Amino acid sequence: MPYRSFLSKKIQELTGISPSNVMYAREMWEVFPDFMDFAKDSILLGYNCNRFDSHFMTRAGRYSHIIIDNPYFDVMYYAGDVLAKHGMFGKKLNLGTVSEQLGIVNPEAHRALADAITTAKVYMKLREMDKV
């Protein structure tokens, strides 16, 4: 059985991911070259990516010998700006709170694909609001 890094109970409860779900998953630095082939020189858009995801990306790049020079666009900061302009600024800017505030449902919060789709929907809604 392959070694898997420790998944805390908190993370398991938050995400619904169990050790058996990732037991045979490839390591992030093994899949990172495929991701960068897909992303090419695109802007990497994410939610709270400047403080969270970018660190994982940098680590994966380091271990797979790929230098990431793509710019990041953090939707969380954009949300703060746009919501404030519309008098909707709140103390919490996490994806769940902002998506709910914008009427966007995330069917599986804290799961990568669902969060990515929700982030895209939040970004598109914010763009609409920013034009007004």
N, C-alpha and C. Protein backbone atom coordinates (compact mmCIF):
# COMPACT_ATOMS: atom_id res chain seq x y z
N MET A 1 0.84 -1.19 0.00
CA MET A 1 0.00 0.00 0.00
C MET A 1 0.88 1.25 0.00
N PRO A 2 0.66 2.18 -0.93
CA PRO A 2 1.51 3.38 -1.01
C PRO A 2 1.35 4.27 0.22
N TYR A 3 2.40 4.99 0.52
CA TYR A 3 2.37 5.94 1.63
C TYR A 3 1.50 7.13 1.25
N ARG A 4 0.70 7.61 2.15
CA ARG A 4 -0.12 8.80 1.95
C ARG A 4 0.10 9.73 3.11
N SER A 5 0.25 10.98 2.81
CA SER A 5 0.41 11.95 3.88
C SER A 5 -0.85 11.96 4.75
N PHE A 6 -0.70 12.39 5.94
CA PHE A 6 -1.75 12.37 6.94
C PHE A 6 -2.90 13.30 6.57
N LEU A 7 -4.11 12.78 6.62
CA LEU A 7 -5.32 13.58 6.42
C LEU A 7 -5.96 13.74 7.79
N SER A 8 -5.98 14.95 8.31
CA SER A 8 -6.53 15.16 9.64
C SER A 8 -8.04 14.92 9.64
N LYS A 9 -8.57 14.64 10.80
CA LYS A 9 -10.02 14.45 10.95
C LYS A 9 -10.77 15.72 10.53
N LYS A 10 -10.19 16.88 10.87
CA LYS A 10 -10.82 18.15 10.51
C LYS A 10 -10.96 18.27 8.99
N ILE A 11 -9.90 17.94 8.26
CA ILE A 11 -9.94 18.01 6.80
C ILE A 11 -10.91 16.97 6.24
N GLN A 12 -10.93 15.80 6.82
CA GLN A 12 -11.86 14.76 6.37
C GLN A 12 -13.30 15.21 6.56
N GLU A 13 -13.60 15.84 7.70
CA GLU A 13 -14.96 16.32 7.97
C GLU A 13 -15.31 17.49 7.05
N LEU A 14 -14.37 18.38 6.83
CA LEU A 14 -14.61 19.56 6.00
C LEU A 14 -14.84 19.19 4.54
N THR A 15 -14.04 18.28 4.02
CA THR A 15 -14.06 17.96 2.59
C THR A 15 -14.83 16.71 2.23
N GLY A 16 -14.98 15.80 3.18
CA GLY A 16 -15.58 14.51 2.87
C GLY A 16 -14.60 13.56 2.21
N ILE A 17 -13.33 13.95 2.17
CA ILE A 17 -12.29 13.11 1.56
C ILE A 17 -11.71 12.20 2.64
N SER A 18 -11.65 10.92 2.34
CA SER A 18 -11.10 9.96 3.30
C SER A 18 -9.75 9.46 2.79
N PRO A 19 -8.96 8.87 3.68
CA PRO A 19 -7.67 8.31 3.23
C PRO A 19 -7.82 7.32 2.09
N SER A 20 -8.91 6.56 2.07
CA SER A 20 -9.09 5.59 0.98
C SER A 20 -9.34 6.29 -0.36
N ASN A 21 -9.87 7.52 -0.33
CA ASN A 21 -10.07 8.28 -1.57
C ASN A 21 -8.76 8.67 -2.23
N VAL A 22 -7.73 8.87 -1.45
CA VAL A 22 -6.47 9.37 -1.99
C VAL A 22 -5.34 8.34 -1.92
N MET A 23 -5.66 7.16 -1.46
CA MET A 23 -4.64 6.14 -1.23
C MET A 23 -3.77 5.90 -2.46
N TYR A 24 -4.37 5.85 -3.63
CA TYR A 24 -3.61 5.55 -4.84
C TYR A 24 -3.51 6.75 -5.78
N ALA A 25 -3.84 7.93 -5.27
CA ALA A 25 -3.75 9.14 -6.09
C ALA A 25 -2.29 9.50 -6.34
N ARG A 26 -2.03 10.07 -7.50
CA ARG A 26 -0.68 10.53 -7.80
C ARG A 26 -0.39 11.77 -6.96
N GLU A 27 0.86 11.97 -6.66
CA GLU A 27 1.29 13.13 -5.90
C GLU A 27 1.12 14.39 -6.75
N MET A 28 0.98 15.54 -6.07
CA MET A 28 0.72 16.78 -6.79
C MET A 28 1.84 17.10 -7.78
N TRP A 29 3.09 16.81 -7.44
CA TRP A 29 4.19 17.12 -8.35
C TRP A 29 4.23 16.17 -9.54
N GLU A 30 3.53 15.04 -9.44
CA GLU A 30 3.43 14.13 -10.58
C GLU A 30 2.40 14.63 -11.59
N VAL A 31 1.33 15.25 -11.11
CA VAL A 31 0.29 15.73 -12.01
C VAL A 31 0.51 17.19 -12.43
N PHE A 32 1.39 17.88 -11.73
CA PHE A 32 1.60 19.29 -11.99
C PHE A 32 2.05 19.59 -13.43
N PRO A 33 2.95 18.80 -14.00
CA PRO A 33 3.31 19.07 -15.41
C PRO A 33 2.10 19.02 -16.34
N ASP A 34 1.18 18.10 -16.10
CA ASP A 34 -0.04 18.03 -16.92
C ASP A 34 -0.88 19.30 -16.74
N PHE A 35 -0.98 19.77 -15.50
CA PHE A 35 -1.74 20.98 -15.24
C PHE A 35 -1.11 22.17 -15.96
N MET A 36 0.21 22.30 -15.88
CA MET A 36 0.87 23.44 -16.52
C MET A 36 0.82 23.34 -18.05
N ASP A 37 0.81 22.12 -18.59
CA ASP A 37 0.60 21.97 -20.03
C ASP A 37 -0.78 22.49 -20.42
N PHE A 38 -1.75 22.27 -19.56
CA PHE A 38 -3.11 22.76 -19.79
C PHE A 38 -3.17 24.28 -19.62
N ALA A 39 -2.58 24.79 -18.55
CA ALA A 39 -2.67 26.22 -18.23
C ALA A 39 -1.82 27.08 -19.15
N LYS A 40 -0.71 26.53 -19.62
CA LYS A 40 0.25 27.27 -20.45
C LYS A 40 0.62 28.60 -19.80
N ASP A 41 0.39 29.72 -20.46
CA ASP A 41 0.76 31.01 -19.88
C ASP A 41 -0.46 31.80 -19.41
N SER A 42 -1.55 31.09 -19.16
CA SER A 42 -2.80 31.73 -18.73
C SER A 42 -2.66 32.35 -17.34
N ILE A 43 -3.52 33.30 -17.07
CA ILE A 43 -3.65 33.84 -15.72
C ILE A 43 -4.32 32.76 -14.88
N LEU A 44 -3.79 32.48 -13.70
CA LEU A 44 -4.36 31.47 -12.81
C LEU A 44 -5.33 32.17 -11.87
N LEU A 45 -6.60 31.95 -12.09
CA LEU A 45 -7.65 32.57 -11.31
C LEU A 45 -8.08 31.62 -10.21
N GLY A 46 -8.20 32.10 -9.01
CA GLY A 46 -8.62 31.26 -7.90
C GLY A 46 -9.24 32.09 -6.80
N TYR A 47 -9.70 31.40 -5.78
CA TYR A 47 -10.32 32.08 -4.64
C TYR A 47 -9.41 31.89 -3.43
N ASN A 48 -8.92 32.99 -2.92
CA ASN A 48 -7.93 33.00 -1.83
C ASN A 48 -6.63 32.33 -2.28
N CYS A 49 -6.37 32.40 -3.57
CA CYS A 49 -5.20 31.71 -4.13
C CYS A 49 -3.89 32.39 -3.77
N ASN A 50 -3.91 33.69 -3.54
CA ASN A 50 -2.65 34.36 -3.19
C ASN A 50 -2.12 33.88 -1.85
N ARG A 51 -3.00 33.58 -0.93
CA ARG A 51 -2.58 33.17 0.41
C ARG A 51 -2.59 31.67 0.61
N PHE A 52 -3.24 30.91 -0.27
CA PHE A 52 -3.38 29.48 -0.02
C PHE A 52 -2.86 28.64 -1.19
N ASP A 53 -3.58 28.62 -2.30
CA ASP A 53 -3.25 27.74 -3.41
C ASP A 53 -1.88 28.00 -4.02
N SER A 54 -1.47 29.26 -4.07
CA SER A 54 -0.19 29.59 -4.70
C SER A 54 0.97 28.87 -4.01
N HIS A 55 0.85 28.65 -2.71
CA HIS A 55 1.93 27.95 -1.98
C HIS A 55 2.02 26.48 -2.42
N PHE A 56 0.87 25.85 -2.64
CA PHE A 56 0.87 24.47 -3.13
C PHE A 56 1.41 24.40 -4.55
N MET A 57 1.03 25.39 -5.35
CA MET A 57 1.49 25.44 -6.74
C MET A 57 3.01 25.61 -6.79
N THR A 58 3.53 26.49 -5.97
CA THR A 58 4.97 26.72 -5.94
C THR A 58 5.70 25.45 -5.51
N ARG A 59 5.17 24.79 -4.49
CA ARG A 59 5.79 23.55 -4.01
C ARG A 59 5.76 22.47 -5.09
N ALA A 60 4.60 22.32 -5.73
CA ALA A 60 4.49 21.31 -6.79
C ALA A 60 5.45 21.64 -7.92
N GLY A 61 5.57 22.92 -8.26
CA GLY A 61 6.50 23.33 -9.30
C GLY A 61 7.93 23.02 -8.93
N ARG A 62 8.27 23.30 -7.68
CA ARG A 62 9.64 23.05 -7.22
C ARG A 62 9.97 21.55 -7.32
N TYR A 63 9.05 20.71 -6.87
CA TYR A 63 9.31 19.27 -6.89
C TYR A 63 9.26 18.67 -8.30
N SER A 64 8.55 19.34 -9.21
CA SER A 64 8.49 18.81 -10.58
C SER A 64 9.41 19.59 -11.52
N HIS A 65 10.24 20.49 -10.94
CA HIS A 65 11.23 21.26 -11.69
C HIS A 65 10.60 22.17 -12.74
N ILE A 66 9.48 22.78 -12.37
CA ILE A 66 8.80 23.72 -13.25
C ILE A 66 8.69 25.06 -12.53
N ILE A 67 9.16 26.10 -13.18
CA ILE A 67 9.05 27.43 -12.61
C ILE A 67 7.71 28.02 -13.04
N ILE A 68 6.93 28.47 -12.07
CA ILE A 68 5.63 29.07 -12.36
C ILE A 68 5.83 30.57 -12.44
N ASP A 69 5.57 31.12 -13.61
CA ASP A 69 5.63 32.57 -13.71
C ASP A 69 4.29 33.13 -14.18
N ASN A 70 3.26 32.30 -14.13
CA ASN A 70 1.92 32.76 -14.47
C ASN A 70 1.45 33.76 -13.42
N PRO A 71 0.77 34.80 -13.86
CA PRO A 71 0.17 35.70 -12.86
C PRO A 71 -1.05 35.05 -12.22
N TYR A 72 -1.32 35.42 -10.99
CA TYR A 72 -2.51 34.95 -10.27
C TYR A 72 -3.52 36.09 -10.20
N PHE A 73 -4.79 35.74 -10.27
CA PHE A 73 -5.86 36.71 -10.03
C PHE A 73 -6.69 36.13 -8.90
N ASP A 74 -6.71 36.81 -7.76
CA ASP A 74 -7.42 36.30 -6.59
C ASP A 74 -8.82 36.92 -6.53
N VAL A 75 -9.82 36.10 -6.78
CA VAL A 75 -11.21 36.56 -6.82
C VAL A 75 -11.67 37.07 -5.46
N MET A 76 -11.07 36.57 -4.38
CA MET A 76 -11.48 37.02 -3.05
C MET A 76 -11.27 38.52 -2.89
N TYR A 77 -10.12 39.03 -3.33
CA TYR A 77 -9.86 40.46 -3.21
C TYR A 77 -10.76 41.26 -4.14
N TYR A 78 -11.00 40.73 -5.32
CA TYR A 78 -11.91 41.37 -6.27
C TYR A 78 -13.32 41.44 -5.67
N ALA A 79 -13.74 40.36 -5.02
CA ALA A 79 -15.06 40.32 -4.38
C ALA A 79 -15.17 41.42 -3.33
N GLY A 80 -14.14 41.58 -2.53
CA GLY A 80 -14.17 42.63 -1.51
C GLY A 80 -14.37 44.00 -2.12
N ASP A 81 -13.66 44.28 -3.22
CA ASP A 81 -13.78 45.58 -3.88
C ASP A 81 -15.16 45.79 -4.49
N VAL A 82 -15.64 44.80 -5.24
CA VAL A 82 -16.93 44.95 -5.94
C VAL A 82 -18.08 44.99 -4.94
N LEU A 83 -18.07 44.11 -3.97
CA LEU A 83 -19.16 44.10 -2.98
C LEU A 83 -19.19 45.40 -2.19
N ALA A 84 -18.04 45.94 -1.86
CA ALA A 84 -17.98 47.21 -1.13
C ALA A 84 -18.60 48.33 -1.96
N LYS A 85 -18.34 48.35 -3.27
CA LYS A 85 -18.91 49.36 -4.16
C LYS A 85 -20.43 49.30 -4.19
N HIS A 86 -20.97 48.11 -3.92
CA HIS A 86 -22.42 47.91 -3.95
C HIS A 86 -23.03 47.87 -2.55
N GLY A 87 -22.26 48.28 -1.55
CA GLY A 87 -22.75 48.30 -0.18
C GLY A 87 -23.04 46.92 0.38
N MET A 88 -22.39 45.91 -0.16
CA MET A 88 -22.64 44.53 0.29
C MET A 88 -21.45 43.96 1.04
N PHE A 89 -20.51 44.80 1.41
CA PHE A 89 -19.30 44.31 2.05
C PHE A 89 -19.61 43.73 3.43
N GLY A 90 -19.11 42.54 3.67
CA GLY A 90 -19.27 41.89 4.97
C GLY A 90 -17.91 41.57 5.54
N LYS A 91 -17.91 41.09 6.76
CA LYS A 91 -16.64 40.74 7.42
C LYS A 91 -16.03 39.48 6.82
N LYS A 92 -16.87 38.56 6.38
CA LYS A 92 -16.35 37.30 5.85
C LYS A 92 -16.35 37.35 4.33
N LEU A 93 -15.21 37.07 3.77
CA LEU A 93 -15.08 37.04 2.32
C LEU A 93 -14.77 35.63 1.82
N ASN A 94 -15.03 34.61 2.62
CA ASN A 94 -14.73 33.26 2.15
C ASN A 94 -15.68 32.88 1.00
N LEU A 95 -15.32 31.88 0.24
CA LEU A 95 -16.08 31.50 -0.94
C LEU A 95 -17.53 31.16 -0.61
N GLY A 96 -17.75 30.45 0.49
CA GLY A 96 -19.10 30.07 0.86
C GLY A 96 -19.99 31.27 1.13
N THR A 97 -19.48 32.22 1.89
CA THR A 97 -20.25 33.41 2.25
C THR A 97 -20.53 34.28 1.02
N VAL A 98 -19.51 34.52 0.21
CA VAL A 98 -19.67 35.38 -0.96
C VAL A 98 -20.59 34.73 -1.99
N SER A 99 -20.41 33.44 -2.25
CA SER A 99 -21.26 32.78 -3.24
C SER A 99 -22.72 32.80 -2.77
N GLU A 100 -22.93 32.58 -1.50
CA GLU A 100 -24.29 32.62 -0.95
C GLU A 100 -24.88 34.03 -1.09
N GLN A 101 -24.08 35.02 -0.79
CA GLN A 101 -24.52 36.41 -0.89
C GLN A 101 -24.91 36.77 -2.33
N LEU A 102 -24.26 36.13 -3.30
CA LEU A 102 -24.54 36.39 -4.71
C LEU A 102 -25.59 35.44 -5.28
N GLY A 103 -26.13 34.55 -4.45
CA GLY A 103 -27.16 33.62 -4.91
C GLY A 103 -26.62 32.46 -5.72
N ILE A 104 -25.36 32.11 -5.50
CA ILE A 104 -24.72 31.02 -6.23
C ILE A 104 -24.57 29.84 -5.29
N VAL A 105 -25.08 28.69 -5.72
CA VAL A 105 -25.04 27.48 -4.89
C VAL A 105 -23.81 26.66 -5.23
N ASN A 106 -23.09 26.25 -4.20
CA ASN A 106 -21.95 25.35 -4.36
C ASN A 106 -22.41 23.97 -3.88
N PRO A 107 -22.61 23.03 -4.81
CA PRO A 107 -23.18 21.73 -4.43
C PRO A 107 -22.27 20.87 -3.55
N GLU A 108 -20.97 21.08 -3.63
CA GLU A 108 -20.02 20.29 -2.83
C GLU A 108 -18.88 21.17 -2.36
N ALA A 109 -19.17 22.03 -1.41
CA ALA A 109 -18.15 22.96 -0.90
C ALA A 109 -16.93 22.19 -0.41
N HIS A 110 -15.78 22.77 -0.66
CA HIS A 110 -14.47 22.24 -0.27
C HIS A 110 -14.03 21.03 -1.08
N ARG A 111 -14.67 20.83 -2.23
CA ARG A 111 -14.21 19.83 -3.19
C ARG A 111 -13.69 20.61 -4.39
N ALA A 112 -12.56 20.23 -4.92
CA ALA A 112 -11.84 21.03 -5.90
C ALA A 112 -12.69 21.45 -7.10
N LEU A 113 -13.33 20.51 -7.76
CA LEU A 113 -14.08 20.86 -8.97
C LEU A 113 -15.25 21.78 -8.65
N ALA A 114 -16.00 21.45 -7.61
CA ALA A 114 -17.16 22.28 -7.24
C ALA A 114 -16.71 23.68 -6.83
N ASP A 115 -15.63 23.78 -6.08
CA ASP A 115 -15.12 25.10 -5.69
C ASP A 115 -14.60 25.88 -6.90
N ALA A 116 -13.97 25.20 -7.85
CA ALA A 116 -13.48 25.88 -9.04
C ALA A 116 -14.65 26.42 -9.88
N ILE A 117 -15.68 25.62 -10.04
CA ILE A 117 -16.86 26.07 -10.79
C ILE A 117 -17.55 27.22 -10.08
N THR A 118 -17.68 27.11 -8.76
CA THR A 118 -18.29 28.18 -7.98
C THR A 118 -17.46 29.45 -8.07
N THR A 119 -16.15 29.32 -8.00
CA THR A 119 -15.27 30.49 -8.14
C THR A 119 -15.49 31.16 -9.50
N ALA A 120 -15.59 30.38 -10.56
CA ALA A 120 -15.83 30.94 -11.89
C ALA A 120 -17.17 31.67 -11.94
N LYS A 121 -18.19 31.08 -11.34
CA LYS A 121 -19.52 31.72 -11.33
C LYS A 121 -19.49 33.01 -10.52
N VAL A 122 -18.80 32.99 -9.39
CA VAL A 122 -18.67 34.20 -8.56
C VAL A 122 -17.95 35.28 -9.35
N TYR A 123 -16.86 34.91 -10.01
CA TYR A 123 -16.10 35.87 -10.81
C TYR A 123 -16.98 36.49 -11.90
N MET A 124 -17.72 35.66 -12.61
CA MET A 124 -18.58 36.17 -13.69
C MET A 124 -19.66 37.11 -13.14
N LYS A 125 -20.25 36.76 -12.00
CA LYS A 125 -21.26 37.61 -11.38
C LYS A 125 -20.64 38.93 -10.94
N LEU A 126 -19.47 38.89 -10.36
CA LEU A 126 -18.78 40.11 -9.93
C LEU A 126 -18.46 40.99 -11.14
N ARG A 127 -18.06 40.38 -12.25
CA ARG A 127 -17.79 41.15 -13.47
C ARG A 127 -19.04 41.89 -13.92
N GLU A 128 -20.19 41.21 -13.88
CA GLU A 128 -21.47 41.84 -14.24
C GLU A 128 -21.73 43.04 -13.31
N MET A 129 -21.54 42.81 -12.03
CA MET A 129 -21.80 43.88 -11.04
C MET A 129 -20.83 45.04 -11.21
N ASP A 130 -19.62 44.75 -11.62
CA ASP A 130 -18.59 45.77 -11.75
C ASP A 130 -18.86 46.69 -12.94
N LYS A 131 -19.64 46.22 -13.90
CA LYS A 131 -19.98 47.02 -15.08
C LYS A 131 -21.06 48.05 -14.78
N VAL A 132 -21.79 47.82 -13.72
CA VAL A 132 -22.92 48.71 -13.38
C VAL A 132 -22.44 49.97 -12.74
